[in-house]
Amino acid sequence: MIIRFDVMQTWKQDLEKFVTVKEFHGNTEGFEPNAEWLLYAFRNADGTFRIARGCCLRTYPLSVATKQGDFKAFKKMRLKPKQILESK
């Protein structure tokens, strides 16, 4: 399954406005059109991303991630949002 995400915010590195996720480890259920997610992902050599949901269990719908305190943790770690770049 290949999914293209519209990036709303990024913390670890500057990212393009749209990113493509093509590799999943685990269940892809719930990735519905217009659903908002907090993704913990890794960039592949070809520029696409993969989500390791089996070992990185913090990838959740945005509403769940908010309740679990992910954004509070980012603030506590003093992580500030990075730039969203115009897609090429």
PDB file of N, CA and C in Angstrom:
ATOM      1  N   MET A   1       0.843  -1.179   0.000  1.00  0.00           N
ATOM      2  CA  MET A   1       0.000   0.000   0.000  1.00  0.00           C
ATOM      3  C   MET A   1       0.887   1.241   0.000  1.00  0.00           C
ATOM      4  N   ILE A   2       0.525   2.201  -0.818  1.00  0.00           N
ATOM      5  CA  ILE A   2       1.241   3.480  -0.882  1.00  0.00           C
ATOM      6  C   ILE A   2       0.255   4.576  -0.497  1.00  0.00           C
ATOM      7  N   ILE A   3       0.683   5.429   0.443  1.00  0.00           N
ATOM      8  CA  ILE A   3      -0.169   6.523   0.906  1.00  0.00           C
ATOM      9  C   ILE A   3       0.615   7.822   0.815  1.00  0.00           C
ATOM     10  N   ARG A   4      -0.033   8.850   0.304  1.00  0.00           N
ATOM     11  CA  ARG A   4       0.578  10.182   0.248  1.00  0.00           C
ATOM     12  C   ARG A   4      -0.040  11.020   1.364  1.00  0.00           C
ATOM     13  N   PHE A   5       0.817  11.580   2.204  1.00  0.00           N
ATOM     14  CA  PHE A   5       0.373  12.383   3.337  1.00  0.00           C
ATOM     15  C   PHE A   5       0.661  13.856   3.099  1.00  0.00           C
ATOM     16  N   ASP A   6      -0.247  14.686   3.533  1.00  0.00           N
ATOM     17  CA  ASP A   6      -0.082  16.134   3.543  1.00  0.00           C
ATOM     18  C   ASP A   6       0.514  16.466   4.910  1.00  0.00           C
ATOM     19  N   VAL A   7       1.729  16.975   4.929  1.00  0.00           N
ATOM     20  CA  VAL A   7       2.431  17.258   6.184  1.00  0.00           C
ATOM     21  C   VAL A   7       1.907  18.559   6.784  1.00  0.00           C
ATOM     22  N   MET A   8       1.427  18.476   8.001  1.00  0.00           N
ATOM     23  CA  MET A   8       0.907  19.651   8.695  1.00  0.00           C
ATOM     24  C   MET A   8       1.970  20.264   9.617  1.00  0.00           C
ATOM     25  N   GLN A   9       2.819  19.405  10.176  1.00  0.00           N
ATOM     26  CA  GLN A   9       3.877  19.859  11.078  1.00  0.00           C
ATOM     27  C   GLN A   9       4.947  18.772  11.124  1.00  0.00           C
ATOM     28  N   THR A  10       6.195  19.179  11.329  1.00  0.00           N
ATOM     29  CA  THR A  10       7.301  18.237  11.414  1.00  0.00           C
ATOM     30  C   THR A  10       8.255  18.697  12.513  1.00  0.00           C
ATOM     31  N   TRP A  11       8.831  17.751  13.242  1.00  0.00           N
ATOM     32  CA  TRP A  11       9.700  18.111  14.365  1.00  0.00           C
ATOM     33  C   TRP A  11      11.152  17.718  14.177  1.00  0.00           C
ATOM     34  N   LYS A  12      11.432  16.647  13.520  1.00  0.00           N
ATOM     35  CA  LYS A  12      12.798  16.166  13.494  1.00  0.00           C
ATOM     36  C   LYS A  12      13.630  16.759  12.363  1.00  0.00           C
ATOM     37  N   GLN A  13      12.991  17.004  11.242  1.00  0.00           N
ATOM     38  CA  GLN A  13      13.697  17.562  10.092  1.00  0.00           C
ATOM     39  C   GLN A  13      12.721  18.321   9.202  1.00  0.00           C
ATOM     40  N   ASP A  14      13.263  19.212   8.386  1.00  0.00           N
ATOM     41  CA  ASP A  14      12.423  19.882   7.408  1.00  0.00           C
ATOM     42  C   ASP A  14      11.885  18.824   6.448  1.00  0.00           C
ATOM     43  N   LEU A  15      10.625  18.958   6.065  1.00  0.00           N
ATOM     44  CA  LEU A  15      10.007  18.001   5.140  1.00  0.00           C
ATOM     45  C   LEU A  15       9.229  18.739   4.072  1.00  0.00           C
ATOM     46  N   GLU A  16       9.052  18.041   2.939  1.00  0.00           N
ATOM     47  CA  GLU A  16       8.213  18.557   1.878  1.00  0.00           C
ATOM     48  C   GLU A  16       6.762  18.559   2.350  1.00  0.00           C
ATOM     49  N   LYS A  17       5.939  19.367   1.712  1.00  0.00           N
ATOM     50  CA  LYS A  17       4.520  19.482   2.046  1.00  0.00           C
ATOM     51  C   LYS A  17       3.790  18.138   1.904  1.00  0.00           C
ATOM     52  N   PHE A  18       4.210  17.331   0.934  1.00  0.00           N
ATOM     53  CA  PHE A  18       3.621  16.015   0.736  1.00  0.00           C
ATOM     54  C   PHE A  18       4.713  14.955   0.810  1.00  0.00           C
ATOM     55  N   VAL A  19       4.467  13.889   1.550  1.00  0.00           N
ATOM     56  CA  VAL A  19       5.402  12.779   1.617  1.00  0.00           C
ATOM     57  C   VAL A  19       4.661  11.487   1.263  1.00  0.00           C
ATOM     58  N   THR A  20       5.400  10.545   0.708  1.00  0.00           N
ATOM     59  CA  THR A  20       4.835   9.261   0.314  1.00  0.00           C
ATOM     60  C   THR A  20       5.344   8.186   1.251  1.00  0.00           C
ATOM     61  N   VAL A  21       4.414   7.436   1.804  1.00  0.00           N
ATOM     62  CA  VAL A  21       4.750   6.316   2.678  1.00  0.00           C
ATOM     63  C   VAL A  21       4.414   5.057   1.900  1.00  0.00           C
ATOM     64  N   LYS A  22       5.417   4.189   1.740  1.00  0.00           N
ATOM     65  CA  LYS A  22       5.155   2.986   0.962  1.00  0.00           C
ATOM     66  C   LYS A  22       5.494   1.701   1.682  1.00  0.00           C
ATOM     67  N   GLU A  23       6.139   1.767   2.798  1.00  0.00           N
ATOM     68  CA  GLU A  23       6.488   0.549   3.518  1.00  0.00           C
ATOM     69  C   GLU A  23       5.878   0.580   4.909  1.00  0.00           C
ATOM     70  N   PHE A  24       5.196  -0.476   5.230  1.00  0.00           N
ATOM     71  CA  PHE A  24       4.561  -0.602   6.537  1.00  0.00           C
ATOM     72  C   PHE A  24       5.006  -1.902   7.172  1.00  0.00           C
ATOM     73  N   HIS A  25       5.183  -1.883   8.449  1.00  0.00           N
ATOM     74  CA  HIS A  25       5.446  -3.096   9.219  1.00  0.00           C
ATOM     75  C   HIS A  25       4.321  -3.166  10.229  1.00  0.00           C
ATOM     76  N   GLY A  26       3.326  -3.941   9.920  1.00  0.00           N
ATOM     77  CA  GLY A  26       2.169  -4.021  10.799  1.00  0.00           C
ATOM     78  C   GLY A  26       0.908  -3.664  10.039  1.00  0.00           C
ATOM     79  N   ASN A  27      -0.122  -3.406  10.744  1.00  0.00           N
ATOM     80  CA  ASN A  27      -1.448  -3.170  10.208  1.00  0.00           C
ATOM     81  C   ASN A  27      -1.559  -1.759   9.626  1.00  0.00           C
ATOM     82  N   THR A  28      -2.098  -1.650   8.421  1.00  0.00           N
ATOM     83  CA  THR A  28      -2.308  -0.341   7.798  1.00  0.00           C
ATOM     84  C   THR A  28      -3.750   0.123   7.973  1.00  0.00           C
ATOM     85  N   GLU A  29      -4.514  -0.600   8.738  1.00  0.00           N
ATOM     86  CA  GLU A  29      -5.906  -0.234   8.971  1.00  0.00           C
ATOM     87  C   GLU A  29      -5.992   1.149   9.614  1.00  0.00           C
ATOM     88  N   GLY A  30      -6.946   1.929   9.179  1.00  0.00           N
ATOM     89  CA  GLY A  30      -7.157   3.238   9.777  1.00  0.00           C
ATOM     90  C   GLY A  30      -6.608   4.384   8.964  1.00  0.00           C
ATOM     91  N   PHE A  31      -5.765   4.096   7.978  1.00  0.00           N
ATOM     92  CA  PHE A  31      -5.256   5.160   7.117  1.00  0.00           C
ATOM     93  C   PHE A  31      -6.299   5.463   6.057  1.00  0.00           C
ATOM     94  N   GLU A  32      -7.314   6.182   6.462  1.00  0.00           N
ATOM     95  CA  GLU A  32      -8.418   6.540   5.588  1.00  0.00           C
ATOM     96  C   GLU A  32      -8.185   7.943   5.024  1.00  0.00           C
ATOM     97  N   PRO A  33      -8.796   8.258   3.863  1.00  0.00           N
ATOM     98  CA  PRO A  33      -8.659   9.620   3.323  1.00  0.00           C
ATOM     99  C   PRO A  33      -9.075  10.671   4.356  1.00  0.00           C
ATOM    100  N   ASN A  34      -8.286  11.722   4.438  1.00  0.00           N
ATOM    101  CA  ASN A  34      -8.526  12.872   5.321  1.00  0.00           C
ATOM    102  C   ASN A  34      -8.359  12.575   6.808  1.00  0.00           C
ATOM    103  N   ALA A  35      -7.896  11.390   7.168  1.00  0.00           N
ATOM    104  CA  ALA A  35      -7.615  11.089   8.571  1.00  0.00           C
ATOM    105  C   ALA A  35      -6.301  11.770   8.959  1.00  0.00           C
ATOM    106  N   GLU A  36      -6.229  12.269  10.185  1.00  0.00           N
ATOM    107  CA  GLU A  36      -5.011  12.928  10.665  1.00  0.00           C
ATOM    108  C   GLU A  36      -4.262  11.983  11.592  1.00  0.00           C
ATOM    109  N   TRP A  37      -2.971  11.841  11.340  1.00  0.00           N
ATOM    110  CA  TRP A  37      -2.128  10.933  12.107  1.00  0.00           C
ATOM    111  C   TRP A  37      -0.869  11.642  12.571  1.00  0.00           C
ATOM    112  N   LEU A  38      -0.332  11.181  13.687  1.00  0.00           N
ATOM    113  CA  LEU A  38       1.020  11.543  14.098  1.00  0.00           C
ATOM    114  C   LEU A  38       1.874  10.356  13.679  1.00  0.00           C
ATOM    115  N   LEU A  39       2.760  10.578  12.709  1.00  0.00           N
ATOM    116  CA  LEU A  39       3.576   9.495  12.167  1.00  0.00           C
ATOM    117  C   LEU A  39       4.994   9.566  12.694  1.00  0.00           C
ATOM    118  N   TYR A  40       5.484   8.440  13.104  1.00  0.00           N
ATOM    119  CA  TYR A  40       6.902   8.270  13.399  1.00  0.00           C
ATOM    120  C   TYR A  40       7.425   7.425  12.251  1.00  0.00           C
ATOM    121  N   ALA A  41       8.236   8.027  11.390  1.00  0.00           N
ATOM    122  CA  ALA A  41       8.626   7.360  10.153  1.00  0.00           C
ATOM    123  C   ALA A  41      10.109   7.543   9.880  1.00  0.00           C
ATOM    124  N   PHE A  42      10.605   6.705   8.998  1.00  0.00           N
ATOM    125  CA  PHE A  42      11.996   6.728   8.559  1.00  0.00           C
ATOM    126  C   PHE A  42      12.023   6.948   7.058  1.00  0.00           C
ATOM    127  N   ARG A  43      12.978   7.760   6.590  1.00  0.00           N
ATOM    128  CA  ARG A  43      13.103   8.008   5.146  1.00  0.00           C
ATOM    129  C   ARG A  43      13.919   6.881   4.514  1.00  0.00           C
ATOM    130  N   ASN A  44      13.381   6.322   3.417  1.00  0.00           N
ATOM    131  CA  ASN A  44      14.086   5.307   2.629  1.00  0.00           C
ATOM    132  C   ASN A  44      15.080   5.988   1.697  1.00  0.00           C
ATOM    133  N   ALA A  45      15.993   5.226   1.139  1.00  0.00           N
ATOM    134  CA  ALA A  45      16.991   5.761   0.216  1.00  0.00           C
ATOM    135  C   ALA A  45      16.352   6.417  -1.010  1.00  0.00           C
ATOM    136  N   ASP A  46      15.163   5.945  -1.424  1.00  0.00           N
ATOM    137  CA  ASP A  46      14.496   6.512  -2.598  1.00  0.00           C
ATOM    138  C   ASP A  46      13.660   7.748  -2.272  1.00  0.00           C
ATOM    139  N   GLY A  47      13.698   8.207  -1.019  1.00  0.00           N
ATOM    140  CA  GLY A  47      12.970   9.414  -0.621  1.00  0.00           C
ATOM    141  C   GLY A  47      11.588   9.160  -0.062  1.00  0.00           C
ATOM    142  N   THR A  48      11.082   7.948  -0.211  1.00  0.00           N
ATOM    143  CA  THR A  48       9.797   7.606   0.390  1.00  0.00           C
ATOM    144  C   THR A  48      10.025   7.283   1.869  1.00  0.00           C
ATOM    145  N   PHE A  49       8.957   7.037   2.584  1.00  0.00           N
ATOM    146  CA  PHE A  49       9.056   6.770   4.017  1.00  0.00           C
ATOM    147  C   PHE A  49       8.481   5.416   4.353  1.00  0.00           C
ATOM    148  N   ARG A  50       8.891   4.924   5.502  1.00  0.00           N
ATOM    149  CA  ARG A  50       8.296   3.702   6.051  1.00  0.00           C
ATOM    150  C   ARG A  50       7.953   3.953   7.502  1.00  0.00           C
ATOM    151  N   ILE A  51       6.890   3.333   7.923  1.00  0.00           N
ATOM    152  CA  ILE A  51       6.452   3.444   9.308  1.00  0.00           C
ATOM    153  C   ILE A  51       6.642   2.090   9.953  1.00  0.00           C
ATOM    154  N   ALA A  52       7.441   2.038  10.980  1.00  0.00           N
ATOM    155  CA  ALA A  52       7.680   0.786  11.693  1.00  0.00           C
ATOM    156  C   ALA A  52       6.730   0.726  12.878  1.00  0.00           C
ATOM    157  N   ARG A  53       5.483   0.439  12.603  1.00  0.00           N
ATOM    158  CA  ARG A  53       4.472   0.471  13.657  1.00  0.00           C
ATOM    159  C   ARG A  53       4.641  -0.668  14.650  1.00  0.00           C
ATOM    160  N   GLY A  54       5.264  -1.742  14.254  1.00  0.00           N
ATOM    161  CA  GLY A  54       5.449  -2.854  15.171  1.00  0.00           C
ATOM    162  C   GLY A  54       6.388  -2.504  16.319  1.00  0.00           C
ATOM    163  N   CYS A  55       7.475  -1.796  15.988  1.00  0.00           N
ATOM    164  CA  CYS A  55       8.449  -1.454  17.026  1.00  0.00           C
ATOM    165  C   CYS A  55       8.338   0.007  17.464  1.00  0.00           C
ATOM    166  N   CYS A  56       7.629   0.805  16.710  1.00  0.00           N
ATOM    167  CA  CYS A  56       7.452   2.215  17.051  1.00  0.00           C
ATOM    168  C   CYS A  56       5.969   2.454  17.264  1.00  0.00           C
ATOM    169  N   LEU A  57       5.484   2.021  18.372  1.00  0.00           N
ATOM    170  CA  LEU A  57       4.055   2.003  18.628  1.00  0.00           C
ATOM    171  C   LEU A  57       3.455   3.376  18.878  1.00  0.00           C
ATOM    172  N   ARG A  58       4.193   4.432  18.623  1.00  0.00           N
ATOM    173  CA  ARG A  58       3.679   5.775  18.875  1.00  0.00           C
ATOM    174  C   ARG A  58       3.002   6.378  17.651  1.00  0.00           C
ATOM    175  N   THR A  59       2.955   5.688  16.527  1.00  0.00           N
ATOM    176  CA  THR A  59       2.209   6.154  15.357  1.00  0.00           C
ATOM    177  C   THR A  59       0.745   5.864  15.601  1.00  0.00           C
ATOM    178  N   TYR A  60      -0.023   6.938  15.742  1.00  0.00           N
ATOM    179  CA  TYR A  60      -1.443   6.830  16.082  1.00  0.00           C
ATOM    180  C   TYR A  60      -2.232   7.923  15.389  1.00  0.00           C
ATOM    181  N   PRO A  61      -3.556   7.747  15.318  1.00  0.00           N
ATOM    182  CA  PRO A  61      -4.380   8.874  14.875  1.00  0.00           C
ATOM    183  C   PRO A  61      -4.088  10.087  15.761  1.00  0.00           C
ATOM    184  N   LEU A  62      -4.191  11.258  15.203  1.00  0.00           N
ATOM    185  CA  LEU A  62      -3.841  12.484  15.923  1.00  0.00           C
ATOM    186  C   LEU A  62      -4.598  12.625  17.240  1.00  0.00           C
ATOM    187  N   SER A  63      -5.859  12.265  17.255  1.00  0.00           N
ATOM    188  CA  SER A  63      -6.648  12.388  18.487  1.00  0.00           C
ATOM    189  C   SER A  63      -6.089  11.500  19.601  1.00  0.00           C
ATOM    190  N   VAL A  64      -5.621  10.317  19.257  1.00  0.00           N
ATOM    191  CA  VAL A  64      -5.040   9.399  20.254  1.00  0.00           C
ATOM    192  C   VAL A  64      -3.686   9.928  20.713  1.00  0.00           C
ATOM    193  N   ALA A  65      -2.854  10.357  19.780  1.00  0.00           N
ATOM    194  CA  ALA A  65      -1.522  10.870  20.117  1.00  0.00           C
ATOM    195  C   ALA A  65      -1.618  12.084  21.031  1.00  0.00           C
ATOM    196  N   THR A  66      -2.607  12.935  20.799  1.00  0.00           N
ATOM    197  CA  THR A  66      -2.803  14.117  21.637  1.00  0.00           C
ATOM    198  C   THR A  66      -3.149  13.697  23.063  1.00  0.00           C
ATOM    199  N   LYS A  67      -4.038  12.732  23.205  1.00  0.00           N
ATOM    200  CA  LYS A  67      -4.427  12.252  24.537  1.00  0.00           C
ATOM    201  C   LYS A  67      -3.268  11.579  25.262  1.00  0.00           C
ATOM    202  N   GLN A  68      -2.389  10.930  24.505  1.00  0.00           N
ATOM    203  CA  GLN A  68      -1.260  10.224  25.115  1.00  0.00           C
ATOM    204  C   GLN A  68      -0.127  11.160  25.514  1.00  0.00           C
ATOM    205  N   GLY A  69      -0.201  12.401  25.097  1.00  0.00           N
ATOM    206  CA  GLY A  69       0.791  13.382  25.526  1.00  0.00           C
ATOM    207  C   GLY A  69       2.018  13.507  24.650  1.00  0.00           C
ATOM    208  N   ASP A  70       1.945  13.041  23.406  1.00  0.00           N
ATOM    209  CA  ASP A  70       3.110  13.147  22.523  1.00  0.00           C
ATOM    210  C   ASP A  70       3.566  14.591  22.358  1.00  0.00           C
ATOM    211  N   PHE A  71       2.624  15.491  22.162  1.00  0.00           N
ATOM    212  CA  PHE A  71       2.991  16.891  21.932  1.00  0.00           C
ATOM    213  C   PHE A  71       3.564  17.530  23.189  1.00  0.00           C
ATOM    214  N   LYS A  72       3.078  17.122  24.348  1.00  0.00           N
ATOM    215  CA  LYS A  72       3.652  17.597  25.605  1.00  0.00           C
ATOM    216  C   LYS A  72       5.083  17.102  25.739  1.00  0.00           C
ATOM    217  N   ALA A  73       5.320  15.864  25.296  1.00  0.00           N
ATOM    218  CA  ALA A  73       6.683  15.305  25.352  1.00  0.00           C
ATOM    219  C   ALA A  73       7.613  16.087  24.433  1.00  0.00           C
ATOM    220  N   PHE A  74       7.138  16.462  23.245  1.00  0.00           N
ATOM    221  CA  PHE A  74       7.954  17.261  22.334  1.00  0.00           C
ATOM    222  C   PHE A  74       8.324  18.588  22.995  1.00  0.00           C
ATOM    223  N   LYS A  75       7.349  19.196  23.643  1.00  0.00           N
ATOM    224  CA  LYS A  75       7.582  20.480  24.310  1.00  0.00           C
ATOM    225  C   LYS A  75       8.589  20.310  25.453  1.00  0.00           C
ATOM    226  N   LYS A  76       8.428  19.238  26.218  1.00  0.00           N
ATOM    227  CA  LYS A  76       9.340  18.974  27.336  1.00  0.00           C
ATOM    228  C   LYS A  76      10.769  18.766  26.836  1.00  0.00           C
ATOM    229  N   MET A  77      10.905  18.133  25.662  1.00  0.00           N
ATOM    230  CA  MET A  77      12.231  17.914  25.071  1.00  0.00           C
ATOM    231  C   MET A  77      12.727  19.160  24.337  1.00  0.00           C
ATOM    232  N   ARG A  78      11.899  20.205  24.384  1.00  0.00           N
ATOM    233  CA  ARG A  78      12.207  21.471  23.719  1.00  0.00           C
ATOM    234  C   ARG A  78      12.358  21.321  22.207  1.00  0.00           C
ATOM    235  N   LEU A  79      11.592  20.385  21.650  1.00  0.00           N
ATOM    236  CA  LEU A  79      11.571  20.226  20.203  1.00  0.00           C
ATOM    237  C   LEU A  79      10.665  21.298  19.612  1.00  0.00           C
ATOM    238  N   LYS A  80      11.161  21.969  18.627  1.00  0.00           N
ATOM    239  CA  LYS A  80      10.373  22.990  17.950  1.00  0.00           C
ATOM    240  C   LYS A  80      10.096  22.514  16.529  1.00  0.00           C
ATOM    241  N   PRO A  81       8.909  22.840  16.025  1.00  0.00           N
ATOM    242  CA  PRO A  81       8.590  22.425  14.660  1.00  0.00           C
ATOM    243  C   PRO A  81       9.629  22.918  13.656  1.00  0.00           C
ATOM    244  N   LYS A  82       9.895  22.088  12.672  1.00  0.00           N
ATOM    245  CA  LYS A  82      10.794  22.419  11.578  1.00  0.00           C
ATOM    246  C   LYS A  82       9.979  22.972  10.426  1.00  0.00           C
ATOM    247  N   GLN A  83      10.651  23.294   9.331  1.00  0.00           N
ATOM    248  CA  GLN A  83       9.981  23.901   8.178  1.00  0.00           C
ATOM    249  C   GLN A  83       9.304  22.869   7.290  1.00  0.00           C
ATOM    250  N   ILE A  84       8.187  23.277   6.716  1.00  0.00           N
ATOM    251  CA  ILE A  84       7.525  22.491   5.687  1.00  0.00           C
ATOM    252  C   ILE A  84       7.892  23.139   4.368  1.00  0.00           C
ATOM    253  N   LEU A  85       8.526  22.363   3.493  1.00  0.00           N
ATOM    254  CA  LEU A  85       9.049  22.878   2.234  1.00  0.00           C
ATOM    255  C   LEU A  85       8.045  22.667   1.111  1.00  0.00           C
ATOM    256  N   GLU A  86       8.082  23.543   0.146  1.00  0.00           N
ATOM    257  CA  GLU A  86       7.232  23.369  -1.037  1.00  0.00           C
ATOM    258  C   GLU A  86       7.697  22.116  -1.764  1.00  0.00           C
ATOM    259  N   SER A  87       6.758  21.286  -2.163  1.00  0.00           N
ATOM    260  CA  SER A  87       7.108  20.057  -2.879  1.00  0.00           C
ATOM    261  C   SER A  87       7.689  20.381  -4.236  1.00  0.00           C
ATOM    262  N   LYS A  88       8.594  19.529  -4.653  1.00  0.00           N
ATOM    263  CA  LYS A  88       9.274  19.736  -5.941  1.00  0.00           C
ATOM    264  C   LYS A  88       8.397  19.301  -7.076  1.00  0.00           C
TER     265      LYS A  88
END
